[in-house]
Amino acid sequence: ITTSMPRKIALKDQHLESRIYSARTVTAIVLVALLMCVLLVRYYGLQISEYDIYQTQSERNRVQLQPLPPKRGLIYDRNGVLLADNRATHILSIVRERVPDLDDTLDRLGGLVEIGDSDLENFHKKLKRRRPYEAVPLRFRLTEDERAVLAVNRHTLPGVVVDAQLLRHYPHGELFSHALGYVGRINEREAFELDESNYRGTFHVGKVGVEKYYEDVLHGTVGYQNVETNAHGRVLRVLERHDPAPGADLTLHLDIRVQQAAFDALGDRRGAVVAMDPVTGGILALVSTPGFDTNLFVNGIS
C-alpha cells in the first residue's frame, strides 16, 4: 500500500501583488510625467524662446525674394536707327535649395535638352557664388521644342525653372562690331569687380567698345519682388514688388550710312576707316576689317 503526500497549493499574496501593482503604476505615472515635461520644455522652446528663429525659417520657406533684372538701354545712331536691341529669350535655370539631387537632375536634363560642357562649367562656377534660393542659369536661348519637352516633364524636375528674359541683339552684326563691342556672360573676375547687389539676376555685362565704356549708364538698377510659394516652389502670389529702373538709351554720333559706305569701300581688304565731323569732332564712322558677328559672343562661343 502506497500513500501520497498532499501537494501544497501556494495561495496568492494579495498584499505583495498590490505593492507590485502600485509600484508599476507609480513608475508609469512618473515616466509619463517626465515625457510630458520634456514635451512641454520642447514646446516652450519652439513657441517662445526660439520663436523668432523658426518664424524666420518658416517665412523663408514660404516667401522668396526674387531679383528683377533691369532692361538694358538701347543704342541708336545719330539718325535714330537702332544699333543694339533686346530680344526675348527663354533661359533654363536651377534653384539649388529646391533640388533633392543636383547630379541626378543635371543628368536627366541632359537627356531632355542639349547641354554642353561649357554650359555645365559655367553653371558650376555661378553655383558657388549664388545663394541657395537664387536661380542659376544653365542654358540660354531654348528652342520651342526644348521648352515643350521641359514643360511636359516639369512635375518630375523640382527646382528647374524656365524664365523669359531679354537678351542683347545686334541687328547689323559685323557692321558695328568694333565700334559698339558686345556684351557677354559675366565671368569669375567680373563677378568680384561688379556691384553684387545691383547685378543679381543679371547674366551679361559689356565686354568691349561702347557696351563696356557705358556699362554704368546702360545697365540700370535691379528691382526685386517678394513672392509666396508652395512646397514645390511654384509662385502663388506676389506680396511686394519694386520695379527695376531700366538703363538709359544712348544716341551715338555714328551715322549708319557713312559706316556702311566705309565698310563697303574696304570690301575684303584688311584695314580701318575713321570718319570724323570736323566741326564737332564726333565720329561718323569707325570701321575695321576683318570684323565679326557680335551676336555670336553674347552667349559665348567655343
C-alpha atoms as a PDB file:
ATOM      1  CA  ILE A   1       0.000   0.000   0.000  1.00  0.00           C
ATOM      2  CA  THR A   2       1.425   3.324  -1.030  1.00  0.00           C
ATOM      3  CA  THR A   3       0.285   6.627   0.205  1.00  0.00           C
ATOM      4  CA  SER A   4       0.959  10.044  -1.431  1.00  0.00           C
ATOM      5  CA  MET A   5       1.531  13.218   0.444  1.00  0.00           C
ATOM      6  CA  PRO A   6      -0.915  16.024  -0.448  1.00  0.00           C
ATOM      7  CA  ARG A   7       0.611  18.837  -2.598  1.00  0.00           C
ATOM      8  CA  LYS A   8       0.992  22.268  -1.134  1.00  0.00           C
ATOM      9  CA  ILE A   9      -1.008  24.847  -3.042  1.00  0.00           C
ATOM     10  CA  ALA A  10       0.506  28.331  -2.962  1.00  0.00           C
ATOM     11  CA  LEU A  11      -2.055  30.930  -2.121  1.00  0.00           C
ATOM     12  CA  LYS A  12      -1.980  34.395  -3.712  1.00  0.00           C
ATOM     13  CA  ASP A  13      -0.257  37.062  -1.714  1.00  0.00           C
ATOM     14  CA  GLN A  14      -2.656  39.909  -2.328  1.00  0.00           C
ATOM     15  CA  HIS A  15      -0.618  42.309  -0.279  1.00  0.00           C
ATOM     16  CA  LEU A  16       2.517  41.659  -2.408  1.00  0.00           C
ATOM     17  CA  GLU A  17       0.617  41.932  -5.656  1.00  0.00           C
ATOM     18  CA  SER A  18      -0.936  45.183  -4.512  1.00  0.00           C
ATOM     19  CA  ARG A  19       2.510  46.576  -3.744  1.00  0.00           C
ATOM     20  CA  ILE A  20       3.849  45.496  -7.150  1.00  0.00           C
ATOM     21  CA  TYR A  21       0.850  46.966  -8.909  1.00  0.00           C
ATOM     22  CA  SER A  22       1.211  50.246  -7.035  1.00  0.00           C
ATOM     23  CA  ALA A  23       4.929  50.418  -7.810  1.00  0.00           C
ATOM     24  CA  ARG A  24       4.317  49.812 -11.514  1.00  0.00           C
ATOM     25  CA  THR A  25       1.543  52.391 -11.564  1.00  0.00           C
ATOM     26  CA  VAL A  26       3.751  54.997  -9.875  1.00  0.00           C
ATOM     27  CA  THR A  27       6.620  54.211 -12.295  1.00  0.00           C
ATOM     28  CA  ALA A  28       4.322  54.577 -15.303  1.00  0.00           C
ATOM     29  CA  ILE A  29       2.918  57.862 -13.977  1.00  0.00           C
ATOM     30  CA  VAL A  30       6.415  59.216 -13.320  1.00  0.00           C
ATOM     31  CA  LEU A  31       7.568  58.145 -16.769  1.00  0.00           C
ATOM     32  CA  VAL A  32       4.559  59.774 -18.435  1.00  0.00           C
ATOM     33  CA  ALA A  33       5.098  62.905 -16.340  1.00  0.00           C
ATOM     34  CA  LEU A  34       8.751  63.070 -17.385  1.00  0.00           C
ATOM     35  CA  LEU A  35       7.837  62.660 -21.050  1.00  0.00           C
ATOM     36  CA  MET A  36       5.208  65.391 -20.670  1.00  0.00           C
ATOM     37  CA  CYS A  37       7.817  67.656 -19.083  1.00  0.00           C
ATOM     38  CA  VAL A  38      10.211  67.019 -21.962  1.00  0.00           C
ATOM     39  CA  LEU A  39       7.402  67.730 -24.429  1.00  0.00           C
ATOM     40  CA  LEU A  40       6.433  70.948 -22.628  1.00  0.00           C
ATOM     41  CA  VAL A  41      10.046  72.115 -22.473  1.00  0.00           C
ATOM     42  CA  ARG A  42      10.461  71.449 -26.182  1.00  0.00           C
ATOM     43  CA  TYR A  43       7.153  73.125 -26.924  1.00  0.00           C
ATOM     44  CA  TYR A  44       8.233  76.144 -24.889  1.00  0.00           C
ATOM     45  CA  GLY A  45      11.484  76.294 -26.851  1.00  0.00           C
ATOM     46  CA  LEU A  46       9.761  76.113 -30.217  1.00  0.00           C
ATOM     47  CA  GLN A  47       6.939  78.511 -29.448  1.00  0.00           C
ATOM     48  CA  ILE A  48       8.575  81.046 -27.140  1.00  0.00           C
ATOM     49  CA  SER A  49      12.348  81.056 -26.691  1.00  0.00           C
ATOM     50  CA  GLU A  50      13.182  80.137 -30.332  1.00  0.00           C
ATOM     51  CA  TYR A  51      10.057  81.580 -31.908  1.00  0.00           C
ATOM     52  CA  ASP A  52      11.880  84.257 -33.916  1.00  0.00           C
ATOM     53  CA  ILE A  53      14.316  81.727 -35.406  1.00  0.00           C
ATOM     54  CA  TYR A  54      11.663  79.299 -36.600  1.00  0.00           C
ATOM     55  CA  GLN A  55       9.364  82.078 -37.744  1.00  0.00           C
ATOM     56  CA  THR A  56      12.168  83.394 -39.942  1.00  0.00           C
ATOM     57  CA  GLN A  57      12.824  79.924 -41.365  1.00  0.00           C
ATOM     58  CA  SER A  58       9.134  79.399 -41.983  1.00  0.00           C
ATOM     59  CA  GLU A  59       8.818  82.747 -43.758  1.00  0.00           C
ATOM     60  CA  ARG A  60      11.877  81.914 -45.830  1.00  0.00           C
ATOM     61  CA  ASN A  61      10.273  78.662 -46.963  1.00  0.00           C
ATOM     62  CA  ARG A  62       7.031  80.432 -47.786  1.00  0.00           C
ATOM     63  CA  VAL A  63       8.307  83.770 -49.116  1.00  0.00           C
ATOM     64  CA  GLN A  64      11.089  84.056 -51.691  1.00  0.00           C
ATOM     65  CA  LEU A  65      12.985  87.197 -52.662  1.00  0.00           C
ATOM     66  CA  GLN A  66      13.404  87.293 -56.428  1.00  0.00           C
ATOM     67  CA  PRO A  67      15.655  89.836 -58.169  1.00  0.00           C
ATOM     68  CA  LEU A  68      14.201  91.641 -61.180  1.00  0.00           C
ATOM     69  CA  PRO A  69      16.977  92.456 -63.673  1.00  0.00           C
ATOM     70  CA  PRO A  70      16.653  95.847 -65.372  1.00  0.00           C
ATOM     71  CA  LYS A  71      16.144  96.287 -69.091  1.00  0.00           C
ATOM     72  CA  ARG A  72      19.419  97.238 -70.756  1.00  0.00           C
ATOM     73  CA  GLY A  73      19.415 100.573 -72.519  1.00  0.00           C
ATOM     74  CA  LEU A  74      19.188 100.663 -76.321  1.00  0.00           C
ATOM     75  CA  ILE A  75      21.798 102.193 -78.630  1.00  0.00           C
ATOM     76  CA  TYR A  76      20.916 104.336 -81.667  1.00  0.00           C
ATOM     77  CA  ASP A  77      22.884 106.112 -84.362  1.00  0.00           C
ATOM     78  CA  ARG A  78      22.520 109.857 -84.944  1.00  0.00           C
ATOM     79  CA  ASN A  79      19.502 109.269 -87.241  1.00  0.00           C
ATOM     80  CA  GLY A  80      17.604 107.129 -84.744  1.00  0.00           C
ATOM     81  CA  VAL A  81      18.486 103.797 -86.369  1.00  0.00           C
ATOM     82  CA  LEU A  82      18.592 101.002 -83.767  1.00  0.00           C
ATOM     83  CA  LEU A  83      22.072  99.520 -83.392  1.00  0.00           C
ATOM     84  CA  ALA A  84      21.701  97.423 -80.211  1.00  0.00           C
ATOM     85  CA  ASP A  85      18.370  95.872 -79.256  1.00  0.00           C
ATOM     86  CA  ASN A  86      16.950  93.497 -76.612  1.00  0.00           C
ATOM     87  CA  ARG A  87      15.057  90.381 -77.642  1.00  0.00           C
ATOM     88  CA  ALA A  88      13.054  87.979 -75.501  1.00  0.00           C
ATOM     89  CA  THR A  89      14.597  84.565 -74.959  1.00  0.00           C
ATOM     90  CA  HIS A  90      13.984  81.640 -72.600  1.00  0.00           C
ATOM     91  CA  ILE A  91      16.600  80.573 -70.059  1.00  0.00           C
ATOM     92  CA  LEU A  92      16.838  77.239 -68.249  1.00  0.00           C
ATOM     93  CA  SER A  93      17.843  77.773 -64.609  1.00  0.00           C
ATOM     94  CA  ILE A  94      18.090  75.710 -61.420  1.00  0.00           C
ATOM     95  CA  VAL A  95      17.264  76.774 -57.854  1.00  0.00           C
ATOM     96  CA  ARG A  96      19.689  74.771 -55.709  1.00  0.00           C
ATOM     97  CA  GLU A  97      17.690  74.590 -52.470  1.00  0.00           C
ATOM     98  CA  ARG A  98      14.686  73.041 -54.257  1.00  0.00           C
ATOM     99  CA  VAL A  99      16.666  70.253 -55.931  1.00  0.00           C
ATOM    100  CA  PRO A 100      16.870  66.959 -53.958  1.00  0.00           C
ATOM    101  CA  ASP A 101      19.769  65.547 -56.013  1.00  0.00           C
ATOM    102  CA  LEU A 102      21.648  68.029 -58.230  1.00  0.00           C
ATOM    103  CA  ASP A 103      23.744  65.483 -60.145  1.00  0.00           C
ATOM    104  CA  ASP A 104      20.691  63.357 -60.926  1.00  0.00           C
ATOM    105  CA  THR A 105      18.753  66.439 -62.067  1.00  0.00           C
ATOM    106  CA  LEU A 106      21.600  67.519 -64.381  1.00  0.00           C
ATOM    107  CA  ASP A 107      21.779  64.016 -65.880  1.00  0.00           C
ATOM    108  CA  ARG A 108      18.038  63.975 -66.510  1.00  0.00           C
ATOM    109  CA  LEU A 109      18.116  67.449 -68.063  1.00  0.00           C
ATOM    110  CA  GLY A 110      20.955  66.342 -70.324  1.00  0.00           C
ATOM    111  CA  GLY A 111      18.680  63.622 -71.655  1.00  0.00           C
ATOM    112  CA  LEU A 112      15.908  66.111 -72.419  1.00  0.00           C
ATOM    113  CA  VAL A 113      17.750  69.110 -73.902  1.00  0.00           C
ATOM    114  CA  GLU A 114      21.220  69.696 -75.270  1.00  0.00           C
ATOM    115  CA  ILE A 115      23.619  70.821 -72.520  1.00  0.00           C
ATOM    116  CA  GLY A 116      27.248  71.342 -73.482  1.00  0.00           C
ATOM    117  CA  ASP A 117      30.366  71.010 -71.353  1.00  0.00           C
ATOM    118  CA  SER A 118      30.801  74.788 -71.354  1.00  0.00           C
ATOM    119  CA  ASP A 119      27.228  75.187 -70.065  1.00  0.00           C
ATOM    120  CA  LEU A 120      27.966  72.842 -67.158  1.00  0.00           C
ATOM    121  CA  GLU A 121      31.284  74.533 -66.420  1.00  0.00           C
ATOM    122  CA  ASN A 122      29.719  77.999 -66.298  1.00  0.00           C
ATOM    123  CA  PHE A 123      26.827  76.665 -64.232  1.00  0.00           C
ATOM    124  CA  HIS A 124      29.078  75.194 -61.529  1.00  0.00           C
ATOM    125  CA  LYS A 125      31.120  78.406 -61.359  1.00  0.00           C
ATOM    126  CA  LYS A 126      27.997  80.515 -60.827  1.00  0.00           C
ATOM    127  CA  LEU A 127      26.582  77.965 -58.380  1.00  0.00           C
ATOM    128  CA  LYS A 128      29.444  78.660 -55.952  1.00  0.00           C
ATOM    129  CA  ARG A 129      28.751  82.410 -55.952  1.00  0.00           C
ATOM    130  CA  ARG A 130      24.952  82.398 -55.844  1.00  0.00           C
ATOM    131  CA  ARG A 131      22.793  81.944 -52.779  1.00  0.00           C
ATOM    132  CA  PRO A 132      20.843  78.645 -52.480  1.00  0.00           C
ATOM    133  CA  TYR A 133      17.478  80.272 -53.214  1.00  0.00           C
ATOM    134  CA  GLU A 134      18.685  82.121 -56.329  1.00  0.00           C
ATOM    135  CA  ALA A 135      18.187  80.720 -59.828  1.00  0.00           C
ATOM    136  CA  VAL A 136      21.453  79.794 -61.561  1.00  0.00           C
ATOM    137  CA  PRO A 137      21.328  79.760 -65.408  1.00  0.00           C
ATOM    138  CA  LEU A 138      22.223  76.524 -67.176  1.00  0.00           C
ATOM    139  CA  ARG A 139      21.122  77.047 -70.797  1.00  0.00           C
ATOM    140  CA  PHE A 140      20.277  80.163 -72.808  1.00  0.00           C
ATOM    141  CA  ARG A 141      18.072  80.541 -75.878  1.00  0.00           C
ATOM    142  CA  LEU A 142      15.905  77.480 -75.531  1.00  0.00           C
ATOM    143  CA  THR A 143      14.026  76.452 -78.657  1.00  0.00           C
ATOM    144  CA  GLU A 144      10.262  75.947 -78.695  1.00  0.00           C
ATOM    145  CA  ASP A 145      10.718  72.169 -78.845  1.00  0.00           C
ATOM    146  CA  GLU A 146      13.043  72.227 -75.834  1.00  0.00           C
ATOM    147  CA  ARG A 147      10.603  74.377 -73.872  1.00  0.00           C
ATOM    148  CA  ALA A 148       7.798  71.939 -74.711  1.00  0.00           C
ATOM    149  CA  VAL A 149       9.842  68.937 -73.516  1.00  0.00           C
ATOM    150  CA  LEU A 150      10.706  70.688 -70.241  1.00  0.00           C
ATOM    151  CA  ALA A 151       7.079  71.704 -69.722  1.00  0.00           C
ATOM    152  CA  VAL A 152       5.896  68.106 -70.114  1.00  0.00           C
ATOM    153  CA  ASN A 153       8.472  66.862 -67.582  1.00  0.00           C
ATOM    154  CA  ARG A 154       8.129  69.780 -65.196  1.00  0.00           C
ATOM    155  CA  HIS A 155       6.437  67.728 -62.454  1.00  0.00           C
ATOM    156  CA  THR A 156       9.452  65.392 -62.280  1.00  0.00           C
ATOM    157  CA  LEU A 157      12.041  68.191 -62.153  1.00  0.00           C
ATOM    158  CA  PRO A 158      11.692  70.138 -58.882  1.00  0.00           C
ATOM    159  CA  GLY A 159      13.837  73.252 -58.764  1.00  0.00           C
ATOM    160  CA  VAL A 160      14.104  73.549 -62.568  1.00  0.00           C
ATOM    161  CA  VAL A 161      12.858  76.901 -63.845  1.00  0.00           C
ATOM    162  CA  VAL A 162      12.305  78.225 -67.367  1.00  0.00           C
ATOM    163  CA  ASP A 163      12.077  82.028 -67.474  1.00  0.00           C
ATOM    164  CA  ALA A 164      11.716  84.547 -70.285  1.00  0.00           C
ATOM    165  CA  GLN A 165      14.340  87.287 -70.240  1.00  0.00           C
ATOM    166  CA  LEU A 166      15.658  89.950 -72.575  1.00  0.00           C
ATOM    167  CA  LEU A 167      18.923  89.186 -74.336  1.00  0.00           C
ATOM    168  CA  ARG A 168      21.115  91.575 -76.316  1.00  0.00           C
ATOM    169  CA  HIS A 169      20.793  91.518 -80.093  1.00  0.00           C
ATOM    170  CA  TYR A 170      22.745  93.459 -82.718  1.00  0.00           C
ATOM    171  CA  PRO A 171      20.649  93.906 -85.884  1.00  0.00           C
ATOM    172  CA  HIS A 172      23.635  94.891 -88.037  1.00  0.00           C
ATOM    173  CA  GLY A 173      26.054  92.258 -86.761  1.00  0.00           C
ATOM    174  CA  GLU A 174      29.532  92.756 -88.217  1.00  0.00           C
ATOM    175  CA  LEU A 175      28.943  96.334 -89.416  1.00  0.00           C
ATOM    176  CA  PHE A 176      29.432  97.889 -85.955  1.00  0.00           C
ATOM    177  CA  SER A 177      31.406  95.090 -84.310  1.00  0.00           C
ATOM    178  CA  HIS A 178      34.486  97.138 -83.382  1.00  0.00           C
ATOM    179  CA  ALA A 179      32.639 100.345 -82.529  1.00  0.00           C
ATOM    180  CA  LEU A 180      29.777  99.001 -80.394  1.00  0.00           C
ATOM    181  CA  GLY A 181      31.550  95.968 -78.988  1.00  0.00           C
ATOM    182  CA  TYR A 182      29.304  93.399 -77.346  1.00  0.00           C
ATOM    183  CA  VAL A 183      28.001  92.025 -74.055  1.00  0.00           C
ATOM    184  CA  GLY A 184      28.909  88.581 -72.764  1.00  0.00           C
ATOM    185  CA  ARG A 185      28.388  86.311 -69.795  1.00  0.00           C
ATOM    186  CA  ILE A 186      29.763  87.604 -66.514  1.00  0.00           C
ATOM    187  CA  ASN A 187      32.969  85.720 -65.733  1.00  0.00           C
ATOM    188  CA  GLU A 188      34.523  84.979 -62.362  1.00  0.00           C
ATOM    189  CA  ARG A 189      36.789  88.038 -62.346  1.00  0.00           C
ATOM    190  CA  GLU A 190      33.987  90.410 -63.300  1.00  0.00           C
ATOM    191  CA  ALA A 191      31.708  88.915 -60.650  1.00  0.00           C
ATOM    192  CA  PHE A 192      34.083  90.138 -57.934  1.00  0.00           C
ATOM    193  CA  GLU A 193      34.532  93.574 -59.520  1.00  0.00           C
ATOM    194  CA  LEU A 194      30.855  94.347 -60.159  1.00  0.00           C
ATOM    195  CA  ASP A 195      28.363  95.548 -57.563  1.00  0.00           C
ATOM    196  CA  GLU A 196      26.884  92.210 -56.480  1.00  0.00           C
ATOM    197  CA  SER A 197      23.633  93.706 -55.194  1.00  0.00           C
ATOM    198  CA  ASN A 198      22.950  95.568 -58.456  1.00  0.00           C
ATOM    199  CA  TYR A 199      23.792  92.637 -60.724  1.00  0.00           C
ATOM    200  CA  ARG A 200      21.610  89.980 -59.094  1.00  0.00           C
ATOM    201  CA  GLY A 201      19.599  88.271 -61.796  1.00  0.00           C
ATOM    202  CA  THR A 202      21.847  89.795 -64.495  1.00  0.00           C
ATOM    203  CA  PHE A 203      23.945  87.344 -66.501  1.00  0.00           C
ATOM    204  CA  HIS A 204      25.638  89.646 -69.052  1.00  0.00           C
ATOM    205  CA  VAL A 205      27.893  92.684 -68.937  1.00  0.00           C
ATOM    206  CA  GLY A 206      29.566  94.911 -71.531  1.00  0.00           C
ATOM    207  CA  LYS A 207      32.880  93.416 -72.630  1.00  0.00           C
ATOM    208  CA  VAL A 208      34.411  95.860 -75.129  1.00  0.00           C
ATOM    209  CA  GLY A 209      33.577  99.002 -77.101  1.00  0.00           C
ATOM    210  CA  VAL A 210      30.652 101.261 -76.298  1.00  0.00           C
ATOM    211  CA  GLU A 211      28.912  98.443 -74.410  1.00  0.00           C
ATOM    212  CA  LYS A 212      31.733  98.323 -71.864  1.00  0.00           C
ATOM    213  CA  TYR A 213      32.540 102.047 -71.682  1.00  0.00           C
ATOM    214  CA  TYR A 214      28.929 102.998 -70.919  1.00  0.00           C
ATOM    215  CA  GLU A 215      28.119  99.916 -68.802  1.00  0.00           C
ATOM    216  CA  ASP A 216      27.030 102.003 -65.801  1.00  0.00           C
ATOM    217  CA  VAL A 217      24.629 104.009 -67.965  1.00  0.00           C
ATOM    218  CA  LEU A 218      23.222 101.106 -69.978  1.00  0.00           C
ATOM    219  CA  HIS A 219      22.740  98.591 -67.167  1.00  0.00           C
ATOM    220  CA  GLY A 220      20.153 100.326 -64.935  1.00  0.00           C
ATOM    221  CA  THR A 221      19.179  99.415 -61.355  1.00  0.00           C
ATOM    222  CA  VAL A 222      17.961  95.993 -60.250  1.00  0.00           C
ATOM    223  CA  GLY A 223      14.495  95.574 -58.685  1.00  0.00           C
ATOM    224  CA  TYR A 224      13.042  92.780 -56.581  1.00  0.00           C
ATOM    225  CA  GLN A 225       9.787  91.131 -55.574  1.00  0.00           C
ATOM    226  CA  ASN A 226       8.676  89.040 -52.603  1.00  0.00           C
ATOM    227  CA  VAL A 227       6.581  86.104 -53.761  1.00  0.00           C
ATOM    228  CA  GLU A 228       4.679  83.461 -51.838  1.00  0.00           C
ATOM    229  CA  THR A 229       5.458  79.905 -52.946  1.00  0.00           C
ATOM    230  CA  ASN A 230       4.075  76.457 -52.194  1.00  0.00           C
ATOM    231  CA  ALA A 231       6.051  73.404 -51.087  1.00  0.00           C
ATOM    232  CA  HIS A 232       7.138  72.742 -54.683  1.00  0.00           C
ATOM    233  CA  GLY A 233       8.453  76.277 -55.174  1.00  0.00           C
ATOM    234  CA  ARG A 234       5.672  77.391 -57.505  1.00  0.00           C
ATOM    235  CA  VAL A 235       4.771  81.066 -57.162  1.00  0.00           C
ATOM    236  CA  LEU A 236       1.278  81.554 -55.710  1.00  0.00           C
ATOM    237  CA  ARG A 237       1.150  85.348 -55.487  1.00  0.00           C
ATOM    238  CA  VAL A 238       3.340  88.450 -55.425  1.00  0.00           C
ATOM    239  CA  LEU A 239       3.411  90.042 -51.966  1.00  0.00           C
ATOM    240  CA  GLU A 240       5.594  93.053 -52.722  1.00  0.00           C
ATOM    241  CA  ARG A 241       7.227  94.381 -55.883  1.00  0.00           C
ATOM    242  CA  HIS A 242       9.802  97.063 -56.593  1.00  0.00           C
ATOM    243  CA  ASP A 243      10.233  97.543 -60.337  1.00  0.00           C
ATOM    244  CA  PRO A 244      13.764  97.817 -61.723  1.00  0.00           C
ATOM    245  CA  ALA A 245      14.963 101.088 -63.250  1.00  0.00           C
ATOM    246  CA  PRO A 246      15.853 100.470 -66.925  1.00  0.00           C
ATOM    247  CA  GLY A 247      19.180 101.569 -68.310  1.00  0.00           C
ATOM    248  CA  ALA A 248      19.384 104.818 -70.261  1.00  0.00           C
ATOM    249  CA  ASP A 249      19.278 104.755 -74.075  1.00  0.00           C
ATOM    250  CA  LEU A 250      22.312 106.078 -75.950  1.00  0.00           C
ATOM    251  CA  THR A 251      22.332 108.075 -79.170  1.00  0.00           C
ATOM    252  CA  LEU A 252      25.783 107.979 -80.769  1.00  0.00           C
ATOM    253  CA  HIS A 253      27.350 110.325 -83.294  1.00  0.00           C
ATOM    254  CA  LEU A 254      27.822 107.365 -85.652  1.00  0.00           C
ATOM    255  CA  ASP A 255      25.921 107.526 -88.945  1.00  0.00           C
ATOM    256  CA  ILE A 256      24.906 104.143 -90.323  1.00  0.00           C
ATOM    257  CA  ARG A 257      25.021 105.446 -93.917  1.00  0.00           C
ATOM    258  CA  VAL A 258      28.639 106.618 -93.585  1.00  0.00           C
ATOM    259  CA  GLN A 259      29.501 103.433 -91.681  1.00  0.00           C
ATOM    260  CA  GLN A 260      28.027 101.263 -94.438  1.00  0.00           C
ATOM    261  CA  ALA A 261      29.848 103.225 -97.146  1.00  0.00           C
ATOM    262  CA  ALA A 262      33.193 102.804 -95.365  1.00  0.00           C
ATOM    263  CA  PHE A 263      32.531  99.109 -94.808  1.00  0.00           C
ATOM    264  CA  ASP A 264      31.689  98.554 -98.474  1.00  0.00           C
ATOM    265  CA  ALA A 265      34.750 100.517 -99.593  1.00  0.00           C
ATOM    266  CA  LEU A 266      37.077  98.262 -97.631  1.00  0.00           C
ATOM    267  CA  GLY A 267      35.465  95.124 -99.000  1.00  0.00           C
ATOM    268  CA  ASP A 268      37.654  92.058 -98.410  1.00  0.00           C
ATOM    269  CA  ARG A 269      40.764  94.098 -97.686  1.00  0.00           C
ATOM    270  CA  ARG A 270      42.242  94.483 -94.243  1.00  0.00           C
ATOM    271  CA  GLY A 271      42.215  97.994 -92.916  1.00  0.00           C
ATOM    272  CA  ALA A 272      40.431 100.653 -90.924  1.00  0.00           C
ATOM    273  CA  VAL A 273      38.422 103.767 -91.715  1.00  0.00           C
ATOM    274  CA  VAL A 274      37.582 106.594 -89.322  1.00  0.00           C
ATOM    275  CA  ALA A 275      35.347 109.466 -90.434  1.00  0.00           C
ATOM    276  CA  MET A 276      35.172 112.490 -88.141  1.00  0.00           C
ATOM    277  CA  ASP A 277      32.951 115.584 -88.131  1.00  0.00           C
ATOM    278  CA  PRO A 278      35.482 118.450 -88.373  1.00  0.00           C
ATOM    279  CA  VAL A 279      33.151 120.861 -86.567  1.00  0.00           C
ATOM    280  CA  THR A 280      32.164 118.822 -83.504  1.00  0.00           C
ATOM    281  CA  GLY A 281      34.850 116.141 -83.500  1.00  0.00           C
ATOM    282  CA  GLY A 282      32.142 113.467 -83.419  1.00  0.00           C
ATOM    283  CA  ILE A 283      32.940 110.094 -85.014  1.00  0.00           C
ATOM    284  CA  LEU A 284      30.671 109.487 -88.009  1.00  0.00           C
ATOM    285  CA  ALA A 285      32.120 106.103 -88.908  1.00  0.00           C
ATOM    286  CA  LEU A 286      34.563 103.650 -87.343  1.00  0.00           C
ATOM    287  CA  VAL A 287      35.201 100.523 -89.379  1.00  0.00           C
ATOM    288  CA  SER A 288      37.887  97.879 -89.002  1.00  0.00           C
ATOM    289  CA  THR A 289      38.194  94.747 -91.103  1.00  0.00           C
ATOM    290  CA  PRO A 290      38.098  91.854 -90.741  1.00  0.00           C
ATOM    291  CA  GLY A 291      35.169  92.091 -88.356  1.00  0.00           C
ATOM    292  CA  PHE A 292      32.987  89.542 -86.583  1.00  0.00           C
ATOM    293  CA  ASP A 293      29.342  88.873 -85.818  1.00  0.00           C
ATOM    294  CA  THR A 294      28.832  90.317 -82.333  1.00  0.00           C
ATOM    295  CA  ASN A 295      25.684  88.217 -81.764  1.00  0.00           C
ATOM    296  CA  LEU A 296      27.834  85.090 -81.506  1.00  0.00           C
ATOM    297  CA  PHE A 297      29.640  86.498 -78.471  1.00  0.00           C
ATOM    298  CA  VAL A 298      26.572  87.318 -76.382  1.00  0.00           C
ATOM    299  CA  ASN A 299      26.339  83.766 -75.010  1.00  0.00           C
ATOM    300  CA  GLY A 300      29.935  82.862 -75.755  1.00  0.00           C
ATOM    301  CA  ILE A 301      31.484  80.670 -78.424  1.00  0.00           C
ATOM    302  CA  SER A 302      33.640  77.564 -78.163  1.00  0.00           C
END
